[in-house]
Amino acid sequence: MTHKIENFIIVGITNDGKKFRPSDWADRLCGVMSAFGADNRMTYSPYVRPGCTLKGDKTVLVDAGLYDVEPMAYNFMINFARDNDLQIDWVGDTPL
């Protein structure tokens, strides 16, 4: 199944309304896309970063620009959400 390449948010709530565990899942997932900078400190990718909803649910913000840099990484993020039955909010061209 293909989908238009656009920004999206992975919400740490399953499609049946349960909170996704472990509680640090968003940091772990963003850590997969992080890298060491010139100052030898780990930094999140500008395309994948953690966030939260107004209700306090953990989220991961994924910028569509990730597809231009590494399509497999973009697809990995979508598949992670689908494999874990997590909610995905497609936000199109809205800046994240």
PDB file of N, CA and C in Angstrom:
ATOM      1  N   MET A   1       0.839  -1.182   0.000  1.00  0.00           N
ATOM      2  CA  MET A   1       0.000   0.000   0.000  1.00  0.00           C
ATOM      3  C   MET A   1       0.881   1.241   0.000  1.00  0.00           C
ATOM      4  N   THR A   2       0.617   2.146  -0.876  1.00  0.00           N
ATOM      5  CA  THR A   2       1.396   3.373  -0.933  1.00  0.00           C
ATOM      6  C   THR A   2       0.569   4.525  -0.389  1.00  0.00           C
ATOM      7  N   HIS A   3       1.261   5.535   0.040  1.00  0.00           N
ATOM      8  CA  HIS A   3       0.603   6.709   0.603  1.00  0.00           C
ATOM      9  C   HIS A   3       1.355   7.935   0.112  1.00  0.00           C
ATOM     10  N   LYS A   4       0.642   9.019  -0.068  1.00  0.00           N
ATOM     11  CA  LYS A   4       1.278  10.276  -0.438  1.00  0.00           C
ATOM     12  C   LYS A   4       2.316  10.625   0.624  1.00  0.00           C
ATOM     13  N   ILE A   5       3.476  11.101   0.206  1.00  0.00           N
ATOM     14  CA  ILE A   5       4.538  11.462   1.143  1.00  0.00           C
ATOM     15  C   ILE A   5       4.158  12.770   1.807  1.00  0.00           C
ATOM     16  N   GLU A   6       3.954  12.710   3.121  1.00  0.00           N
ATOM     17  CA  GLU A   6       3.578  13.902   3.866  1.00  0.00           C
ATOM     18  C   GLU A   6       4.008  13.772   5.326  1.00  0.00           C
ATOM     19  N   ASN A   7       3.975  14.890   6.026  1.00  0.00           N
ATOM     20  CA  ASN A   7       4.294  14.902   7.450  1.00  0.00           C
ATOM     21  C   ASN A   7       3.260  14.074   8.197  1.00  0.00           C
ATOM     22  N   PHE A   8       3.698  13.440   9.287  1.00  0.00           N
ATOM     23  CA  PHE A   8       2.744  12.718  10.109  1.00  0.00           C
ATOM     24  C   PHE A   8       3.231  12.656  11.550  1.00  0.00           C
ATOM     25  N   ILE A   9       2.304  12.333  12.419  1.00  0.00           N
ATOM     26  CA  ILE A   9       2.586  12.214  13.849  1.00  0.00           C
ATOM     27  C   ILE A   9       2.155  10.824  14.290  1.00  0.00           C
ATOM     28  N   ILE A  10       3.068  10.114  14.938  1.00  0.00           N
ATOM     29  CA  ILE A  10       2.734   8.831  15.539  1.00  0.00           C
ATOM     30  C   ILE A  10       2.322   9.119  16.977  1.00  0.00           C
ATOM     31  N   VAL A  11       1.119   8.717  17.338  1.00  0.00           N
ATOM     32  CA  VAL A  11       0.595   8.954  18.689  1.00  0.00           C
ATOM     33  C   VAL A  11       0.714   7.660  19.486  1.00  0.00           C
ATOM     34  N   GLY A  12       1.162   7.764  20.715  1.00  0.00           N
ATOM     35  CA  GLY A  12       1.393   6.601  21.563  1.00  0.00           C
ATOM     36  C   GLY A  12       0.136   5.997  22.144  1.00  0.00           C
ATOM     37  N   ILE A  13      -0.911   5.966  21.352  1.00  0.00           N
ATOM     38  CA  ILE A  13      -2.176   5.344  21.728  1.00  0.00           C
ATOM     39  C   ILE A  13      -2.526   4.353  20.620  1.00  0.00           C
ATOM     40  N   THR A  14      -2.852   3.121  21.003  1.00  0.00           N
ATOM     41  CA  THR A  14      -3.217   2.129  19.996  1.00  0.00           C
ATOM     42  C   THR A  14      -4.584   2.473  19.417  1.00  0.00           C
ATOM     43  N   ASN A  15      -4.892   1.861  18.306  1.00  0.00           N
ATOM     44  CA  ASN A  15      -6.173   2.142  17.652  1.00  0.00           C
ATOM     45  C   ASN A  15      -7.369   1.720  18.492  1.00  0.00           C
ATOM     46  N   ASP A  16      -7.166   0.845  19.481  1.00  0.00           N
ATOM     47  CA  ASP A  16      -8.268   0.499  20.382  1.00  0.00           C
ATOM     48  C   ASP A  16      -8.219   1.303  21.685  1.00  0.00           C
ATOM     49  N   GLY A  17      -7.379   2.369  21.736  1.00  0.00           N
ATOM     50  CA  GLY A  17      -7.388   3.315  22.840  1.00  0.00           C
ATOM     51  C   GLY A  17      -6.455   3.032  24.001  1.00  0.00           C
ATOM     52  N   LYS A  18      -5.587   2.020  23.887  1.00  0.00           N
ATOM     53  CA  LYS A  18      -4.669   1.705  24.982  1.00  0.00           C
ATOM     54  C   LYS A  18      -3.369   2.494  24.843  1.00  0.00           C
ATOM     55  N   LYS A  19      -2.790   2.870  25.986  1.00  0.00           N
ATOM     56  CA  LYS A  19      -1.515   3.597  25.992  1.00  0.00           C
ATOM     57  C   LYS A  19      -0.399   2.635  25.598  1.00  0.00           C
ATOM     58  N   PHE A  20       0.472   3.067  24.689  1.00  0.00           N
ATOM     59  CA  PHE A  20       1.574   2.228  24.217  1.00  0.00           C
ATOM     60  C   PHE A  20       2.693   2.218  25.248  1.00  0.00           C
ATOM     61  N   ARG A  21       3.258   1.062  25.461  1.00  0.00           N
ATOM     62  CA  ARG A  21       4.355   0.867  26.408  1.00  0.00           C
ATOM     63  C   ARG A  21       5.575   0.336  25.687  1.00  0.00           C
ATOM     64  N   PRO A  22       6.771   0.579  26.145  1.00  0.00           N
ATOM     65  CA  PRO A  22       7.145   1.255  27.383  1.00  0.00           C
ATOM     66  C   PRO A  22       6.928   2.762  27.272  1.00  0.00           C
ATOM     67  N   SER A  23       6.946   3.428  28.408  1.00  0.00           N
ATOM     68  CA  SER A  23       6.623   4.858  28.436  1.00  0.00           C
ATOM     69  C   SER A  23       7.643   5.713  27.691  1.00  0.00           C
ATOM     70  N   ASP A  24       8.862   5.212  27.504  1.00  0.00           N
ATOM     71  CA  ASP A  24       9.886   5.992  26.790  1.00  0.00           C
ATOM     72  C   ASP A  24      10.017   5.578  25.323  1.00  0.00           C
ATOM     73  N   TRP A  25       8.973   4.983  24.766  1.00  0.00           N
ATOM     74  CA  TRP A  25       9.030   4.490  23.394  1.00  0.00           C
ATOM     75  C   TRP A  25       9.393   5.587  22.397  1.00  0.00           C
ATOM     76  N   ALA A  26       8.865   6.806  22.589  1.00  0.00           N
ATOM     77  CA  ALA A  26       9.114   7.893  21.632  1.00  0.00           C
ATOM     78  C   ALA A  26      10.594   8.280  21.629  1.00  0.00           C
ATOM     79  N   ASP A  27      11.197   8.359  22.807  1.00  0.00           N
ATOM     80  CA  ASP A  27      12.623   8.688  22.888  1.00  0.00           C
ATOM     81  C   ASP A  27      13.469   7.592  22.255  1.00  0.00           C
ATOM     82  N   ARG A  28      13.084   6.350  22.491  1.00  0.00           N
ATOM     83  CA  ARG A  28      13.824   5.227  21.898  1.00  0.00           C
ATOM     84  C   ARG A  28      13.734   5.250  20.374  1.00  0.00           C
ATOM     85  N   LEU A  29      12.520   5.473  19.864  1.00  0.00           N
ATOM     86  CA  LEU A  29      12.333   5.495  18.416  1.00  0.00           C
ATOM     87  C   LEU A  29      13.096   6.657  17.782  1.00  0.00           C
ATOM     88  N   CYS A  30      13.052   7.820  18.398  1.00  0.00           N
ATOM     89  CA  CYS A  30      13.798   8.969  17.878  1.00  0.00           C
ATOM     90  C   CYS A  30      15.298   8.738  17.993  1.00  0.00           C
ATOM     91  N   GLY A  31      15.712   7.995  19.010  1.00  0.00           N
ATOM     92  CA  GLY A  31      17.120   7.668  19.178  1.00  0.00           C
ATOM     93  C   GLY A  31      17.677   6.861  18.022  1.00  0.00           C
ATOM     94  N   VAL A  32      16.826   6.055  17.399  1.00  0.00           N
ATOM     95  CA  VAL A  32      17.261   5.273  16.234  1.00  0.00           C
ATOM     96  C   VAL A  32      17.700   6.201  15.104  1.00  0.00           C
ATOM     97  N   MET A  33      17.073   7.368  15.005  1.00  0.00           N
ATOM     98  CA  MET A  33      17.361   8.319  13.930  1.00  0.00           C
ATOM     99  C   MET A  33      18.316   9.423  14.362  1.00  0.00           C
ATOM    100  N   SER A  34      18.845   9.353  15.572  1.00  0.00           N
ATOM    101  CA  SER A  34      19.738  10.401  16.053  1.00  0.00           C
ATOM    102  C   SER A  34      21.176  10.143  15.610  1.00  0.00           C
ATOM    103  N   ALA A  35      22.015  11.159  15.783  1.00  0.00           N
ATOM    104  CA  ALA A  35      23.424  11.055  15.387  1.00  0.00           C
ATOM    105  C   ALA A  35      24.271  11.919  16.311  1.00  0.00           C
ATOM    106  N   PHE A  36      25.553  11.607  16.330  1.00  0.00           N
ATOM    107  CA  PHE A  36      26.488  12.435  17.096  1.00  0.00           C
ATOM    108  C   PHE A  36      26.848  13.663  16.287  1.00  0.00           C
ATOM    109  N   GLY A  37      26.826  14.819  16.944  1.00  0.00           N
ATOM    110  CA  GLY A  37      27.189  16.066  16.294  1.00  0.00           C
ATOM    111  C   GLY A  37      28.670  16.344  16.437  1.00  0.00           C
ATOM    112  N   ALA A  38      29.106  17.489  15.939  1.00  0.00           N
ATOM    113  CA  ALA A  38      30.511  17.879  16.001  1.00  0.00           C
ATOM    114  C   ALA A  38      30.990  18.033  17.443  1.00  0.00           C
ATOM    115  N   ASP A  39      30.073  18.306  18.356  1.00  0.00           N
ATOM    116  CA  ASP A  39      30.434  18.468  19.766  1.00  0.00           C
ATOM    117  C   ASP A  39      30.406  17.138  20.540  1.00  0.00           C
ATOM    118  N   ASN A  40      30.330  16.024  19.786  1.00  0.00           N
ATOM    119  CA  ASN A  40      30.295  14.676  20.363  1.00  0.00           C
ATOM    120  C   ASN A  40      29.092  14.440  21.262  1.00  0.00           C
ATOM    121  N   ARG A  41      28.000  15.127  20.987  1.00  0.00           N
ATOM    122  CA  ARG A  41      26.756  14.927  21.721  1.00  0.00           C
ATOM    123  C   ARG A  41      25.718  14.354  20.776  1.00  0.00           C
ATOM    124  N   MET A  42      24.909  13.458  21.293  1.00  0.00           N
ATOM    125  CA  MET A  42      23.837  12.869  20.499  1.00  0.00           C
ATOM    126  C   MET A  42      22.731  13.902  20.314  1.00  0.00           C
ATOM    127  N   THR A  43      22.272  14.068  19.075  1.00  0.00           N
ATOM    128  CA  THR A  43      21.181  14.992  18.790  1.00  0.00           C
ATOM    129  C   THR A  43      20.134  14.286  17.941  1.00  0.00           C
ATOM    130  N   TYR A  44      18.877  14.661  18.158  1.00  0.00           N
ATOM    131  CA  TYR A  44      17.798  14.100  17.358  1.00  0.00           C
ATOM    132  C   TYR A  44      17.891  14.592  15.924  1.00  0.00           C
ATOM    133  N   SER A  45      17.386  13.785  15.020  1.00  0.00           N
ATOM    134  CA  SER A  45      17.297  14.176  13.621  1.00  0.00           C
ATOM    135  C   SER A  45      16.333  15.351  13.489  1.00  0.00           C
ATOM    136  N   PRO A  46      16.577  16.261  12.555  1.00  0.00           N
ATOM    137  CA  PRO A  46      15.609  17.341  12.340  1.00  0.00           C
ATOM    138  C   PRO A  46      14.314  16.817  11.712  1.00  0.00           C
ATOM    139  N   TYR A  47      14.319  15.575  11.239  1.00  0.00           N
ATOM    140  CA  TYR A  47      13.155  14.987  10.586  1.00  0.00           C
ATOM    141  C   TYR A  47      12.310  14.112  11.508  1.00  0.00           C
ATOM    142  N   VAL A  48      12.867  13.679  12.631  1.00  0.00           N
ATOM    143  CA  VAL A  48      12.167  12.780  13.555  1.00  0.00           C
ATOM    144  C   VAL A  48      12.460  13.239  14.975  1.00  0.00           C
ATOM    145  N   ARG A  49      11.417  13.677  15.688  1.00  0.00           N
ATOM    146  CA  ARG A  49      11.651  14.152  17.053  1.00  0.00           C
ATOM    147  C   ARG A  49      10.449  13.850  17.937  1.00  0.00           C
ATOM    148  N   PRO A  50      10.700  13.704  19.222  1.00  0.00           N
ATOM    149  CA  PRO A  50       9.605  13.394  20.139  1.00  0.00           C
ATOM    150  C   PRO A  50       8.757  14.622  20.435  1.00  0.00           C
ATOM    151  N   GLY A  51       7.536  14.372  20.849  1.00  0.00           N
ATOM    152  CA  GLY A  51       6.615  15.430  21.235  1.00  0.00           C
ATOM    153  C   GLY A  51       5.550  14.844  22.141  1.00  0.00           C
ATOM    154  N   CYS A  52       4.491  15.607  22.366  1.00  0.00           N
ATOM    155  CA  CYS A  52       3.368  15.080  23.148  1.00  0.00           C
ATOM    156  C   CYS A  52       2.097  15.817  22.744  1.00  0.00           C
ATOM    157  N   THR A  53       0.956  15.201  23.047  1.00  0.00           N
ATOM    158  CA  THR A  53      -0.329  15.820  22.752  1.00  0.00           C
ATOM    159  C   THR A  53      -0.739  16.702  23.915  1.00  0.00           C
ATOM    160  N   LEU A  54      -1.800  17.430  23.755  1.00  0.00           N
ATOM    161  CA  LEU A  54      -2.312  18.251  24.848  1.00  0.00           C
ATOM    162  C   LEU A  54      -2.775  17.390  26.022  1.00  0.00           C
ATOM    163  N   LYS A  55      -3.148  16.143  25.733  1.00  0.00           N
ATOM    164  CA  LYS A  55      -3.562  15.213  26.785  1.00  0.00           C
ATOM    165  C   LYS A  55      -2.361  14.578  27.485  1.00  0.00           C
ATOM    166  N   GLY A  56      -1.149  14.839  26.986  1.00  0.00           N
ATOM    167  CA  GLY A  56       0.055  14.276  27.594  1.00  0.00           C
ATOM    168  C   GLY A  56       0.509  12.967  26.984  1.00  0.00           C
ATOM    169  N   ASP A  57      -0.121  12.547  25.885  1.00  0.00           N
ATOM    170  CA  ASP A  57       0.297  11.310  25.219  1.00  0.00           C
ATOM    171  C   ASP A  57       1.593  11.544  24.461  1.00  0.00           C
ATOM    172  N   LYS A  58       2.513  10.582  24.526  1.00  0.00           N
ATOM    173  CA  LYS A  58       3.776  10.689  23.796  1.00  0.00           C
ATOM    174  C   LYS A  58       3.508  10.602  22.297  1.00  0.00           C
ATOM    175  N   THR A  59       4.295  11.344  21.530  1.00  0.00           N
ATOM    176  CA  THR A  59       4.194  11.319  20.075  1.00  0.00           C
ATOM    177  C   THR A  59       5.586  11.362  19.463  1.00  0.00           C
ATOM    178  N   VAL A  60       5.640  11.014  18.182  1.00  0.00           N
ATOM    179  CA  VAL A  60       6.846  11.216  17.384  1.00  0.00           C
ATOM    180  C   VAL A  60       6.425  11.982  16.141  1.00  0.00           C
ATOM    181  N   LEU A  61       7.083  13.109  15.905  1.00  0.00           N
ATOM    182  CA  LEU A  61       6.806  13.956  14.750  1.00  0.00           C
ATOM    183  C   LEU A  61       7.753  13.560  13.622  1.00  0.00           C
ATOM    184  N   VAL A  62       7.188  13.234  12.468  1.00  0.00           N
ATOM    185  CA  VAL A  62       7.996  12.808  11.329  1.00  0.00           C
ATOM    186  C   VAL A  62       7.777  13.775  10.178  1.00  0.00           C
ATOM    187  N   ASP A  63       8.854  14.419   9.760  1.00  0.00           N
ATOM    188  CA  ASP A  63       8.817  15.381   8.661  1.00  0.00           C
ATOM    189  C   ASP A  63       8.936  14.632   7.335  1.00  0.00           C
ATOM    190  N   ALA A  64       8.136  15.036   6.354  1.00  0.00           N
ATOM    191  CA  ALA A  64       8.157  14.395   5.038  1.00  0.00           C
ATOM    192  C   ALA A  64       9.517  14.505   4.373  1.00  0.00           C
ATOM    193  N   GLY A  65      10.330  15.488   4.767  1.00  0.00           N
ATOM    194  CA  GLY A  65      11.673  15.639   4.205  1.00  0.00           C
ATOM    195  C   GLY A  65      12.544  14.427   4.449  1.00  0.00           C
ATOM    196  N   LEU A  66      12.195  13.616   5.434  1.00  0.00           N
ATOM    197  CA  LEU A  66      12.942  12.387   5.686  1.00  0.00           C
ATOM    198  C   LEU A  66      12.914  11.482   4.468  1.00  0.00           C
ATOM    199  N   TYR A  67      11.802  11.479   3.751  1.00  0.00           N
ATOM    200  CA  TYR A  67      11.688  10.639   2.555  1.00  0.00           C
ATOM    201  C   TYR A  67      12.718  11.032   1.502  1.00  0.00           C
ATOM    202  N   ASP A  68      12.977  12.326   1.362  1.00  0.00           N
ATOM    203  CA  ASP A  68      13.957  12.800   0.384  1.00  0.00           C
ATOM    204  C   ASP A  68      15.370  12.379   0.762  1.00  0.00           C
ATOM    205  N   VAL A  69      15.646  12.330   2.065  1.00  0.00           N
ATOM    206  CA  VAL A  69      16.977  11.974   2.547  1.00  0.00           C
ATOM    207  C   VAL A  69      17.156  10.463   2.572  1.00  0.00           C
ATOM    208  N   GLU A  70      16.155   9.751   3.095  1.00  0.00           N
ATOM    209  CA  GLU A  70      16.239   8.291   3.225  1.00  0.00           C
ATOM    210  C   GLU A  70      14.841   7.684   3.206  1.00  0.00           C
ATOM    211  N   PRO A  71      14.359   7.279   2.027  1.00  0.00           N
ATOM    212  CA  PRO A  71      13.010   6.716   1.914  1.00  0.00           C
ATOM    213  C   PRO A  71      12.776   5.496   2.811  1.00  0.00           C
ATOM    214  N   MET A  72      13.798   4.677   3.002  1.00  0.00           N
ATOM    215  CA  MET A  72      13.628   3.494   3.841  1.00  0.00           C
ATOM    216  C   MET A  72      13.370   3.882   5.297  1.00  0.00           C
ATOM    217  N   ALA A  73      13.981   4.943   5.778  1.00  0.00           N
ATOM    218  CA  ALA A  73      13.759   5.407   7.142  1.00  0.00           C
ATOM    219  C   ALA A  73      12.327   5.937   7.294  1.00  0.00           C
ATOM    220  N   TYR A  74      11.854   6.673   6.296  1.00  0.00           N
ATOM    221  CA  TYR A  74      10.477   7.176   6.310  1.00  0.00           C
ATOM    222  C   TYR A  74       9.493   6.014   6.385  1.00  0.00           C
ATOM    223  N   ASN A  75       9.710   5.014   5.552  1.00  0.00           N
ATOM    224  CA  ASN A  75       8.842   3.838   5.548  1.00  0.00           C
ATOM    225  C   ASN A  75       8.957   3.047   6.844  1.00  0.00           C
ATOM    226  N   PHE A  76      10.152   3.006   7.433  1.00  0.00           N
ATOM    227  CA  PHE A  76      10.331   2.339   8.719  1.00  0.00           C
ATOM    228  C   PHE A  76       9.435   2.976   9.777  1.00  0.00           C
ATOM    229  N   MET A  77       9.370   4.297   9.793  1.00  0.00           N
ATOM    230  CA  MET A  77       8.558   4.995  10.787  1.00  0.00           C
ATOM    231  C   MET A  77       7.073   4.677  10.609  1.00  0.00           C
ATOM    232  N   ILE A  78       6.613   4.666   9.368  1.00  0.00           N
ATOM    233  CA  ILE A  78       5.216   4.311   9.098  1.00  0.00           C
ATOM    234  C   ILE A  78       4.951   2.874   9.525  1.00  0.00           C
ATOM    235  N   ASN A  79       5.855   1.976   9.151  1.00  0.00           N
ATOM    236  CA  ASN A  79       5.658   0.567   9.483  1.00  0.00           C
ATOM    237  C   ASN A  79       5.734   0.310  10.980  1.00  0.00           C
ATOM    238  N   PHE A  80       6.558   1.062  11.710  1.00  0.00           N
ATOM    239  CA  PHE A  80       6.612   0.921  13.158  1.00  0.00           C
ATOM    240  C   PHE A  80       5.233   1.212  13.746  1.00  0.00           C
ATOM    241  N   ALA A  81       4.624   2.298  13.299  1.00  0.00           N
ATOM    242  CA  ALA A  81       3.300   2.661  13.804  1.00  0.00           C
ATOM    243  C   ALA A  81       2.266   1.599  13.435  1.00  0.00           C
ATOM    244  N   ARG A  82       2.287   1.160  12.223  1.00  0.00           N
ATOM    245  CA  ARG A  82       1.305   0.161  11.786  1.00  0.00           C
ATOM    246  C   ARG A  82       1.522  -1.179  12.481  1.00  0.00           C
ATOM    247  N   ASP A  83       2.766  -1.612  12.593  1.00  0.00           N
ATOM    248  CA  ASP A  83       3.067  -2.895  13.240  1.00  0.00           C
ATOM    249  C   ASP A  83       2.636  -2.918  14.699  1.00  0.00           C
ATOM    250  N   ASN A  84       2.683  -1.745  15.356  1.00  0.00           N
ATOM    251  CA  ASN A  84       2.307  -1.651  16.766  1.00  0.00           C
ATOM    252  C   ASN A  84       0.892  -1.122  16.963  1.00  0.00           C
ATOM    253  N   ASP A  85       0.134  -1.028  15.855  1.00  0.00           N
ATOM    254  CA  ASP A  85      -1.266  -0.604  15.875  1.00  0.00           C
ATOM    255  C   ASP A  85      -1.436   0.774  16.514  1.00  0.00           C
ATOM    256  N   LEU A  86      -0.484   1.682  16.258  1.00  0.00           N
ATOM    257  CA  LEU A  86      -0.532   3.028  16.819  1.00  0.00           C
ATOM    258  C   LEU A  86      -1.285   3.979  15.896  1.00  0.00           C
ATOM    259  N   GLN A  87      -1.863   4.995  16.487  1.00  0.00           N
ATOM    260  CA  GLN A  87      -2.580   6.006  15.721  1.00  0.00           C
ATOM    261  C   GLN A  87      -1.584   6.868  14.940  1.00  0.00           C
ATOM    262  N   ILE A  88      -1.948   7.186  13.709  1.00  0.00           N
ATOM    263  CA  ILE A  88      -1.142   8.072  12.867  1.00  0.00           C
ATOM    264  C   ILE A  88      -2.009   9.250  12.467  1.00  0.00           C
ATOM    265  N   ASP A  89      -1.523  10.464  12.731  1.00  0.00           N
ATOM    266  CA  ASP A  89      -2.201  11.685  12.285  1.00  0.00           C
ATOM    267  C   ASP A  89      -1.424  12.226  11.094  1.00  0.00           C
ATOM    268  N   TRP A  90      -2.041  12.205   9.923  1.00  0.00           N
ATOM    269  CA  TRP A  90      -1.412  12.742   8.720  1.00  0.00           C
ATOM    270  C   TRP A  90      -1.665  14.234   8.700  1.00  0.00           C
ATOM    271  N   VAL A  91      -0.599  15.018   8.593  1.00  0.00           N
ATOM    272  CA  VAL A  91      -0.753  16.472   8.660  1.00  0.00           C
ATOM    273  C   VAL A  91      -0.340  17.179   7.376  1.00  0.00           C
ATOM    274  N   GLY A  92      -0.103  16.428   6.330  1.00  0.00           N
ATOM    275  CA  GLY A  92       0.156  17.024   5.027  1.00  0.00           C
ATOM    276  C   GLY A  92       1.289  18.010   5.023  1.00  0.00           C
ATOM    277  N   ASP A  93       1.025  19.202   4.495  1.00  0.00           N
ATOM    278  CA  ASP A  93       2.063  20.215   4.348  1.00  0.00           C
ATOM    279  C   ASP A  93       2.199  21.115   5.569  1.00  0.00           C
ATOM    280  N   THR A  94       1.426  20.844   6.610  1.00  0.00           N
ATOM    281  CA  THR A  94       1.517  21.657   7.820  1.00  0.00           C
ATOM    282  C   THR A  94       2.883  21.483   8.456  1.00  0.00           C
ATOM    283  N   PRO A  95       3.588  22.567   8.763  1.00  0.00           N
ATOM    284  CA  PRO A  95       4.900  22.427   9.398  1.00  0.00           C
ATOM    285  C   PRO A  95       4.793  21.735  10.753  1.00  0.00           C
ATOM    286  N   LEU A  96       5.755  20.905  11.059  1.00  0.00           N
ATOM    287  CA  LEU A  96       5.763  20.200  12.355  1.00  0.00           C
ATOM    288  C   LEU A  96       6.639  20.910  13.350  1.00  0.00           C
TER     289      LEU A  96
END
